[in-house]
Amino acid sequence: MRLLPWTGADGKACYLSTDDPHSHLSLLADDVEAASLDSAEQVLAGAKAVLEDAKAGERAVRFALTRAVESLGDVLRVAISRGGGTSAR
């Protein structure tokens, strides 16, 4: 069973059961995982820039932290899906 990089409408984990890594849904999951990782790189760069800016206000810091938390959740989900963890939160 493969943990998919998205949740159902109820917020619960979605799993894919297939032996075909080239199925339409498997390829879609691969694309979403890749996009999540690319996005996390951009969020990390932005968050670093905000933290390095002594003039960044509370609003900018909160925005950067919010995006970083979202990205971390996405990256953890990818890691778990690929066998790098045990929680499916």
PDB file of N, CA and C in Angstrom:
ATOM      1  N   MET A   1       0.845  -1.178   0.000  1.00  0.00           N
ATOM      2  CA  MET A   1       0.000   0.000   0.000  1.00  0.00           C
ATOM      3  C   MET A   1       0.891   1.243   0.000  1.00  0.00           C
ATOM      4  N   ARG A   2       0.571   2.159  -0.877  1.00  0.00           N
ATOM      5  CA  ARG A   2       1.332   3.404  -0.975  1.00  0.00           C
ATOM      6  C   ARG A   2       0.510   4.546  -0.396  1.00  0.00           C
ATOM      7  N   LEU A   3       1.105   5.263   0.555  1.00  0.00           N
ATOM      8  CA  LEU A   3       0.477   6.461   1.086  1.00  0.00           C
ATOM      9  C   LEU A   3       0.533   7.532   0.006  1.00  0.00           C
ATOM     10  N   LEU A   4      -0.622   8.063  -0.357  1.00  0.00           N
ATOM     11  CA  LEU A   4      -0.665   9.095  -1.389  1.00  0.00           C
ATOM     12  C   LEU A   4      -0.378  10.464  -0.781  1.00  0.00           C
ATOM     13  N   PRO A   5       0.139  11.383  -1.581  1.00  0.00           N
ATOM     14  CA  PRO A   5       0.531  12.703  -1.054  1.00  0.00           C
ATOM     15  C   PRO A   5      -0.636  13.680  -0.919  1.00  0.00           C
ATOM     16  N   TRP A   6      -1.820  13.167  -0.685  1.00  0.00           N
ATOM     17  CA  TRP A   6      -2.982  14.006  -0.436  1.00  0.00           C
ATOM     18  C   TRP A   6      -3.917  13.240   0.496  1.00  0.00           C
ATOM     19  N   THR A   7      -4.887  13.957   1.038  1.00  0.00           N
ATOM     20  CA  THR A   7      -5.858  13.333   1.928  1.00  0.00           C
ATOM     21  C   THR A   7      -7.215  13.327   1.245  1.00  0.00           C
ATOM     22  N   GLY A   8      -8.118  12.541   1.793  1.00  0.00           N
ATOM     23  CA  GLY A   8      -9.484  12.508   1.293  1.00  0.00           C
ATOM     24  C   GLY A   8     -10.254  13.724   1.786  1.00  0.00           C
ATOM     25  N   ALA A   9     -11.487  13.844   1.364  1.00  0.00           N
ATOM     26  CA  ALA A   9     -12.331  14.974   1.751  1.00  0.00           C
ATOM     27  C   ALA A   9     -12.508  15.053   3.264  1.00  0.00           C
ATOM     28  N   ASP A  10     -12.398  13.909   3.939  1.00  0.00           N
ATOM     29  CA  ASP A  10     -12.549  13.869   5.388  1.00  0.00           C
ATOM     30  C   ASP A  10     -11.232  14.133   6.123  1.00  0.00           C
ATOM     31  N   GLY A  11     -10.155  14.394   5.365  1.00  0.00           N
ATOM     32  CA  GLY A  11      -8.860  14.680   5.957  1.00  0.00           C
ATOM     33  C   GLY A  11      -8.051  13.443   6.310  1.00  0.00           C
ATOM     34  N   LYS A  12      -8.592  12.271   6.006  1.00  0.00           N
ATOM     35  CA  LYS A  12      -7.901  11.025   6.323  1.00  0.00           C
ATOM     36  C   LYS A  12      -6.953  10.632   5.195  1.00  0.00           C
ATOM     37  N   ALA A  13      -5.964   9.836   5.545  1.00  0.00           N
ATOM     38  CA  ALA A  13      -4.965   9.385   4.577  1.00  0.00           C
ATOM     39  C   ALA A  13      -5.606   8.577   3.455  1.00  0.00           C
ATOM     40  N   CYS A  14      -5.020   8.706   2.274  1.00  0.00           N
ATOM     41  CA  CYS A  14      -5.444   7.917   1.109  1.00  0.00           C
ATOM     42  C   CYS A  14      -4.296   6.987   0.732  1.00  0.00           C
ATOM     43  N   TYR A  15      -4.652   5.774   0.389  1.00  0.00           N
ATOM     44  CA  TYR A  15      -3.661   4.778   0.019  1.00  0.00           C
ATOM     45  C   TYR A  15      -3.983   4.221  -1.357  1.00  0.00           C
ATOM     46  N   LEU A  16      -2.937   3.809  -2.061  1.00  0.00           N
ATOM     47  CA  LEU A  16      -3.071   3.196  -3.370  1.00  0.00           C
ATOM     48  C   LEU A  16      -2.572   1.764  -3.291  1.00  0.00           C
ATOM     49  N   SER A  17      -3.383   0.852  -3.777  1.00  0.00           N
ATOM     50  CA  SER A  17      -3.008  -0.553  -3.806  1.00  0.00           C
ATOM     51  C   SER A  17      -2.875  -0.978  -5.262  1.00  0.00           C
ATOM     52  N   THR A  18      -1.631  -1.062  -5.745  1.00  0.00           N
ATOM     53  CA  THR A  18      -1.378  -1.499  -7.107  1.00  0.00           C
ATOM     54  C   THR A  18       0.047  -2.024  -7.210  1.00  0.00           C
ATOM     55  N   ASP A  19       0.250  -2.926  -8.123  1.00  0.00           N
ATOM     56  CA  ASP A  19       1.593  -3.432  -8.414  1.00  0.00           C
ATOM     57  C   ASP A  19       2.199  -2.717  -9.609  1.00  0.00           C
ATOM     58  N   ASP A  20       1.453  -1.768 -10.182  1.00  0.00           N
ATOM     59  CA  ASP A  20       1.886  -1.073 -11.394  1.00  0.00           C
ATOM     60  C   ASP A  20       2.385   0.330 -11.061  1.00  0.00           C
ATOM     61  N   PRO A  21       3.711   0.520 -11.003  1.00  0.00           N
ATOM     62  CA  PRO A  21       4.232   1.851 -10.691  1.00  0.00           C
ATOM     63  C   PRO A  21       4.011   2.856 -11.825  1.00  0.00           C
ATOM     64  N   HIS A  22       3.491   2.389 -12.940  1.00  0.00           N
ATOM     65  CA  HIS A  22       3.237   3.273 -14.085  1.00  0.00           C
ATOM     66  C   HIS A  22       1.751   3.517 -14.299  1.00  0.00           C
ATOM     67  N   SER A  23       0.931   3.146 -13.332  1.00  0.00           N
ATOM     68  CA  SER A  23      -0.503   3.420 -13.449  1.00  0.00           C
ATOM     69  C   SER A  23      -0.720   4.933 -13.407  1.00  0.00           C
ATOM     70  N   HIS A  24      -1.862   5.345 -13.905  1.00  0.00           N
ATOM     71  CA  HIS A  24      -2.172   6.780 -13.946  1.00  0.00           C
ATOM     72  C   HIS A  24      -2.078   7.402 -12.552  1.00  0.00           C
ATOM     73  N   LEU A  25      -2.648   6.743 -11.552  1.00  0.00           N
ATOM     74  CA  LEU A  25      -2.642   7.291 -10.200  1.00  0.00           C
ATOM     75  C   LEU A  25      -1.243   7.284  -9.583  1.00  0.00           C
ATOM     76  N   SER A  26      -0.451   6.248  -9.874  1.00  0.00           N
ATOM     77  CA  SER A  26       0.934   6.214  -9.379  1.00  0.00           C
ATOM     78  C   SER A  26       1.749   7.363  -9.955  1.00  0.00           C
ATOM     79  N   LEU A  27       1.596   7.604 -11.245  1.00  0.00           N
ATOM     80  CA  LEU A  27       2.333   8.692 -11.902  1.00  0.00           C
ATOM     81  C   LEU A  27       1.876  10.047 -11.390  1.00  0.00           C
ATOM     82  N   LEU A  28       0.576  10.194 -11.149  1.00  0.00           N
ATOM     83  CA  LEU A  28       0.063  11.443 -10.589  1.00  0.00           C
ATOM     84  C   LEU A  28       0.644  11.674  -9.197  1.00  0.00           C
ATOM     85  N   ALA A  29       0.677  10.628  -8.381  1.00  0.00           N
ATOM     86  CA  ALA A  29       1.253  10.746  -7.039  1.00  0.00           C
ATOM     87  C   ALA A  29       2.732  11.131  -7.121  1.00  0.00           C
ATOM     88  N   ASP A  30       3.467  10.536  -8.053  1.00  0.00           N
ATOM     89  CA  ASP A  30       4.878  10.891  -8.247  1.00  0.00           C
ATOM     90  C   ASP A  30       5.022  12.375  -8.569  1.00  0.00           C
ATOM     91  N   ASP A  31       4.161  12.874  -9.469  1.00  0.00           N
ATOM     92  CA  ASP A  31       4.213  14.287  -9.859  1.00  0.00           C
ATOM     93  C   ASP A  31       3.896  15.204  -8.681  1.00  0.00           C
ATOM     94  N   VAL A  32       2.891  14.842  -7.886  1.00  0.00           N
ATOM     95  CA  VAL A  32       2.518  15.666  -6.733  1.00  0.00           C
ATOM     96  C   VAL A  32       3.638  15.658  -5.693  1.00  0.00           C
ATOM     97  N   GLU A  33       4.259  14.499  -5.482  1.00  0.00           N
ATOM     98  CA  GLU A  33       5.382  14.430  -4.549  1.00  0.00           C
ATOM     99  C   GLU A  33       6.533  15.316  -5.016  1.00  0.00           C
ATOM    100  N   ALA A  34       6.863  15.251  -6.293  1.00  0.00           N
ATOM    101  CA  ALA A  34       7.957  16.067  -6.837  1.00  0.00           C
ATOM    102  C   ALA A  34       7.645  17.556  -6.686  1.00  0.00           C
ATOM    103  N   ALA A  35       6.399  17.932  -6.954  1.00  0.00           N
ATOM    104  CA  ALA A  35       6.004  19.337  -6.814  1.00  0.00           C
ATOM    105  C   ALA A  35       6.087  19.780  -5.351  1.00  0.00           C
ATOM    106  N   SER A  36       5.729  18.899  -4.436  1.00  0.00           N
ATOM    107  CA  SER A  36       5.810  19.223  -3.005  1.00  0.00           C
ATOM    108  C   SER A  36       7.251  19.471  -2.587  1.00  0.00           C
ATOM    109  N   LEU A  37       8.158  18.632  -3.072  1.00  0.00           N
ATOM    110  CA  LEU A  37       9.572  18.799  -2.727  1.00  0.00           C
ATOM    111  C   LEU A  37      10.145  20.069  -3.339  1.00  0.00           C
ATOM    112  N   ASP A  38       9.790  20.358  -4.580  1.00  0.00           N
ATOM    113  CA  ASP A  38      10.247  21.596  -5.221  1.00  0.00           C
ATOM    114  C   ASP A  38       9.722  22.820  -4.468  1.00  0.00           C
ATOM    115  N   SER A  39       8.458  22.768  -4.087  1.00  0.00           N
ATOM    116  CA  SER A  39       7.858  23.872  -3.353  1.00  0.00           C
ATOM    117  C   SER A  39       8.548  24.069  -2.008  1.00  0.00           C
ATOM    118  N   ALA A  40       8.878  22.969  -1.344  1.00  0.00           N
ATOM    119  CA  ALA A  40       9.554  23.054  -0.046  1.00  0.00           C
ATOM    120  C   ALA A  40      10.904  23.753  -0.174  1.00  0.00           C
ATOM    121  N   GLU A  41      11.615  23.510  -1.256  1.00  0.00           N
ATOM    122  CA  GLU A  41      12.896  24.201  -1.474  1.00  0.00           C
ATOM    123  C   GLU A  41      12.680  25.707  -1.570  1.00  0.00           C
ATOM    124  N   GLN A  42      11.642  26.115  -2.284  1.00  0.00           N
ATOM    125  CA  GLN A  42      11.347  27.541  -2.433  1.00  0.00           C
ATOM    126  C   GLN A  42      10.914  28.157  -1.108  1.00  0.00           C
ATOM    127  N   VAL A  43      10.085  27.432  -0.370  1.00  0.00           N
ATOM    128  CA  VAL A  43       9.632  27.925   0.937  1.00  0.00           C
ATOM    129  C   VAL A  43      10.813  28.066   1.886  1.00  0.00           C
ATOM    130  N   LEU A  44      11.704  27.098   1.879  1.00  0.00           N
ATOM    131  CA  LEU A  44      12.885  27.162   2.742  1.00  0.00           C
ATOM    132  C   LEU A  44      13.735  28.393   2.414  1.00  0.00           C
ATOM    133  N   ALA A  45      13.951  28.629   1.141  1.00  0.00           N
ATOM    134  CA  ALA A  45      14.733  29.800   0.733  1.00  0.00           C
ATOM    135  C   ALA A  45      14.044  31.089   1.186  1.00  0.00           C
ATOM    136  N   GLY A  46      12.737  31.159   1.029  1.00  0.00           N
ATOM    137  CA  GLY A  46      11.994  32.351   1.448  1.00  0.00           C
ATOM    138  C   GLY A  46      12.027  32.550   2.948  1.00  0.00           C
ATOM    139  N   ALA A  47      11.874  31.464   3.686  1.00  0.00           N
ATOM    140  CA  ALA A  47      11.903  31.558   5.154  1.00  0.00           C
ATOM    141  C   ALA A  47      13.277  32.011   5.640  1.00  0.00           C
ATOM    142  N   LYS A  48      14.338  31.478   5.029  1.00  0.00           N
ATOM    143  CA  LYS A  48      15.690  31.907   5.399  1.00  0.00           C
ATOM    144  C   LYS A  48      15.872  33.398   5.153  1.00  0.00           C
ATOM    145  N   ALA A  49      15.360  33.870   4.019  1.00  0.00           N
ATOM    146  CA  ALA A  49      15.485  35.291   3.686  1.00  0.00           C
ATOM    147  C   ALA A  49      14.763  36.153   4.713  1.00  0.00           C
ATOM    148  N   VAL A  50      13.586  35.734   5.134  1.00  0.00           N
ATOM    149  CA  VAL A  50      12.837  36.498   6.135  1.00  0.00           C
ATOM    150  C   VAL A  50      13.599  36.516   7.457  1.00  0.00           C
ATOM    151  N   LEU A  51      14.127  35.371   7.860  1.00  0.00           N
ATOM    152  CA  LEU A  51      14.853  35.301   9.132  1.00  0.00           C
ATOM    153  C   LEU A  51      16.142  36.114   9.110  1.00  0.00           C
ATOM    154  N   GLU A  52      16.746  36.246   7.936  1.00  0.00           N
ATOM    155  CA  GLU A  52      17.980  37.027   7.818  1.00  0.00           C
ATOM    156  C   GLU A  52      17.713  38.527   7.743  1.00  0.00           C
ATOM    157  N   ASP A  53      16.465  38.915   7.510  1.00  0.00           N
ATOM    158  CA  ASP A  53      16.097  40.321   7.380  1.00  0.00           C
ATOM    159  C   ASP A  53      15.723  40.877   8.755  1.00  0.00           C
ATOM    160  N   ALA A  54      16.617  41.670   9.313  1.00  0.00           N
ATOM    161  CA  ALA A  54      16.386  42.241  10.643  1.00  0.00           C
ATOM    162  C   ALA A  54      15.157  43.150  10.675  1.00  0.00           C
ATOM    163  N   LYS A  55      14.741  43.638   9.526  1.00  0.00           N
ATOM    164  CA  LYS A  55      13.589  44.538   9.454  1.00  0.00           C
ATOM    165  C   LYS A  55      12.274  43.802   9.204  1.00  0.00           C
ATOM    166  N   ALA A  56      12.324  42.490   9.054  1.00  0.00           N
ATOM    167  CA  ALA A  56      11.104  41.719   8.806  1.00  0.00           C
ATOM    168  C   ALA A  56      10.200  41.819  10.025  1.00  0.00           C
ATOM    169  N   GLY A  57       8.965  42.151   9.774  1.00  0.00           N
ATOM    170  CA  GLY A  57       8.012  42.293  10.874  1.00  0.00           C
ATOM    171  C   GLY A  57       7.360  40.974  11.249  1.00  0.00           C
ATOM    172  N   GLU A  58       6.532  41.063  12.265  1.00  0.00           N
ATOM    173  CA  GLU A  58       5.850  39.873  12.776  1.00  0.00           C
ATOM    174  C   GLU A  58       5.007  39.206  11.681  1.00  0.00           C
ATOM    175  N   ARG A  59       4.356  40.007  10.883  1.00  0.00           N
ATOM    176  CA  ARG A  59       3.495  39.448   9.821  1.00  0.00           C
ATOM    177  C   ARG A  59       4.301  38.611   8.834  1.00  0.00           C
ATOM    178  N   ALA A  60       5.463  39.102   8.428  1.00  0.00           N
ATOM    179  CA  ALA A  60       6.315  38.366   7.489  1.00  0.00           C
ATOM    180  C   ALA A  60       6.844  37.084   8.110  1.00  0.00           C
ATOM    181  N   VAL A  61       7.238  37.162   9.379  1.00  0.00           N
ATOM    182  CA  VAL A  61       7.757  35.984  10.067  1.00  0.00           C
ATOM    183  C   VAL A  61       6.656  34.939  10.232  1.00  0.00           C
ATOM    184  N   ARG A  62       5.454  35.374  10.621  1.00  0.00           N
ATOM    185  CA  ARG A  62       4.342  34.427  10.775  1.00  0.00           C
ATOM    186  C   ARG A  62       3.985  33.789   9.433  1.00  0.00           C
ATOM    187  N   PHE A  63       3.989  34.568   8.366  1.00  0.00           N
ATOM    188  CA  PHE A  63       3.689  34.024   7.039  1.00  0.00           C
ATOM    189  C   PHE A  63       4.730  32.980   6.656  1.00  0.00           C
ATOM    190  N   ALA A  64       6.006  33.312   6.838  1.00  0.00           N
ATOM    191  CA  ALA A  64       7.081  32.375   6.497  1.00  0.00           C
ATOM    192  C   ALA A  64       6.976  31.099   7.324  1.00  0.00           C
ATOM    193  N   LEU A  65       6.686  31.236   8.605  1.00  0.00           N
ATOM    194  CA  LEU A  65       6.561  30.064   9.473  1.00  0.00           C
ATOM    195  C   LEU A  65       5.355  29.212   9.072  1.00  0.00           C
ATOM    196  N   THR A  66       4.260  29.855   8.744  1.00  0.00           N
ATOM    197  CA  THR A  66       3.065  29.115   8.314  1.00  0.00           C
ATOM    198  C   THR A  66       3.356  28.302   7.062  1.00  0.00           C
ATOM    199  N   ARG A  67       4.000  28.935   6.082  1.00  0.00           N
ATOM    200  CA  ARG A  67       4.336  28.208   4.837  1.00  0.00           C
ATOM    201  C   ARG A  67       5.335  27.090   5.125  1.00  0.00           C
ATOM    202  N   ALA A  68       6.296  27.342   6.026  1.00  0.00           N
ATOM    203  CA  ALA A  68       7.296  26.319   6.358  1.00  0.00           C
ATOM    204  C   ALA A  68       6.644  25.109   7.019  1.00  0.00           C
ATOM    205  N   VAL A  69       5.686  25.353   7.911  1.00  0.00           N
ATOM    206  CA  VAL A  69       4.979  24.253   8.572  1.00  0.00           C
ATOM    207  C   VAL A  69       4.192  23.437   7.551  1.00  0.00           C
ATOM    208  N   GLU A  70       3.519  24.118   6.636  1.00  0.00           N
ATOM    209  CA  GLU A  70       2.781  23.405   5.583  1.00  0.00           C
ATOM    210  C   GLU A  70       3.721  22.546   4.742  1.00  0.00           C
ATOM    211  N   SER A  71       4.836  23.127   4.347  1.00  0.00           N
ATOM    212  CA  SER A  71       5.800  22.399   3.520  1.00  0.00           C
ATOM    213  C   SER A  71       6.419  21.230   4.270  1.00  0.00           C
ATOM    214  N   LEU A  72       6.718  21.433   5.539  1.00  0.00           N
ATOM    215  CA  LEU A  72       7.278  20.347   6.335  1.00  0.00           C
ATOM    216  C   LEU A  72       6.298  19.181   6.404  1.00  0.00           C
ATOM    217  N   GLY A  73       5.026  19.478   6.580  1.00  0.00           N
ATOM    218  CA  GLY A  73       4.011  18.429   6.586  1.00  0.00           C
ATOM    219  C   GLY A  73       3.982  17.666   5.276  1.00  0.00           C
ATOM    220  N   ASP A  74       4.069  18.395   4.156  1.00  0.00           N
ATOM    221  CA  ASP A  74       4.071  17.751   2.842  1.00  0.00           C
ATOM    222  C   ASP A  74       5.306  16.875   2.654  1.00  0.00           C
ATOM    223  N   VAL A  75       6.462  17.389   3.051  1.00  0.00           N
ATOM    224  CA  VAL A  75       7.713  16.644   2.884  1.00  0.00           C
ATOM    225  C   VAL A  75       7.725  15.394   3.773  1.00  0.00           C
ATOM    226  N   LEU A  76       7.216  15.517   4.983  1.00  0.00           N
ATOM    227  CA  LEU A  76       7.129  14.346   5.863  1.00  0.00           C
ATOM    228  C   LEU A  76       6.216  13.281   5.261  1.00  0.00           C
ATOM    229  N   ARG A  77       5.125  13.712   4.670  1.00  0.00           N
ATOM    230  CA  ARG A  77       4.202  12.772   4.032  1.00  0.00           C
ATOM    231  C   ARG A  77       4.901  12.035   2.892  1.00  0.00           C
ATOM    232  N   VAL A  78       5.701  12.748   2.095  1.00  0.00           N
ATOM    233  CA  VAL A  78       6.458  12.118   1.013  1.00  0.00           C
ATOM    234  C   VAL A  78       7.459  11.123   1.594  1.00  0.00           C
ATOM    235  N   ALA A  79       8.164  11.521   2.654  1.00  0.00           N
ATOM    236  CA  ALA A  79       9.145  10.637   3.279  1.00  0.00           C
ATOM    237  C   ALA A  79       8.478   9.369   3.805  1.00  0.00           C
ATOM    238  N   ILE A  80       7.346   9.524   4.440  1.00  0.00           N
ATOM    239  CA  ILE A  80       6.620   8.356   4.972  1.00  0.00           C
ATOM    240  C   ILE A  80       6.179   7.463   3.822  1.00  0.00           C
ATOM    241  N   SER A  81       5.679   8.077   2.763  1.00  0.00           N
ATOM    242  CA  SER A  81       5.228   7.308   1.600  1.00  0.00           C
ATOM    243  C   SER A  81       6.357   6.512   0.988  1.00  0.00           C
ATOM    244  N   ARG A  82       7.553   7.069   1.036  1.00  0.00           N
ATOM    245  CA  ARG A  82       8.720   6.404   0.437  1.00  0.00           C
ATOM    246  C   ARG A  82       9.449   5.505   1.425  1.00  0.00           C
ATOM    247  N   GLY A  83       8.865   5.312   2.598  1.00  0.00           N
ATOM    248  CA  GLY A  83       9.441   4.394   3.573  1.00  0.00           C
ATOM    249  C   GLY A  83      10.400   5.038   4.545  1.00  0.00           C
ATOM    250  N   GLY A  84      10.391   6.370   4.653  1.00  0.00           N
ATOM    251  CA  GLY A  84      11.318   7.046   5.541  1.00  0.00           C
ATOM    252  C   GLY A  84      10.746   7.414   6.883  1.00  0.00           C
ATOM    253  N   GLY A  85       9.592   6.893   7.228  1.00  0.00           N
ATOM    254  CA  GLY A  85       8.977   7.235   8.513  1.00  0.00           C
ATOM    255  C   GLY A  85       7.839   6.290   8.809  1.00  0.00           C
ATOM    256  N   THR A  86       7.164   6.537   9.946  1.00  0.00           N
ATOM    257  CA  THR A  86       6.125   5.602  10.356  1.00  0.00           C
ATOM    258  C   THR A  86       4.774   6.250  10.589  1.00  0.00           C
ATOM    259  N   SER A  87       4.697   7.561  10.671  1.00  0.00           N
ATOM    260  CA  SER A  87       3.435   8.232  10.975  1.00  0.00           C
ATOM    261  C   SER A  87       2.788   8.724   9.697  1.00  0.00           C
ATOM    262  N   ALA A  88       1.473   8.676   9.635  1.00  0.00           N
ATOM    263  CA  ALA A  88       0.744   9.136   8.441  1.00  0.00           C
ATOM    264  C   ALA A  88      -0.119  10.343   8.758  1.00  0.00           C
ATOM    265  N   ARG A  89       0.358  11.229   9.611  1.00  0.00           N
ATOM    266  CA  ARG A  89      -0.430  12.393   9.996  1.00  0.00           C
ATOM    267  C   ARG A  89      -0.510  13.378   8.911  1.00  0.00           C
TER     268      ARG A  89
END
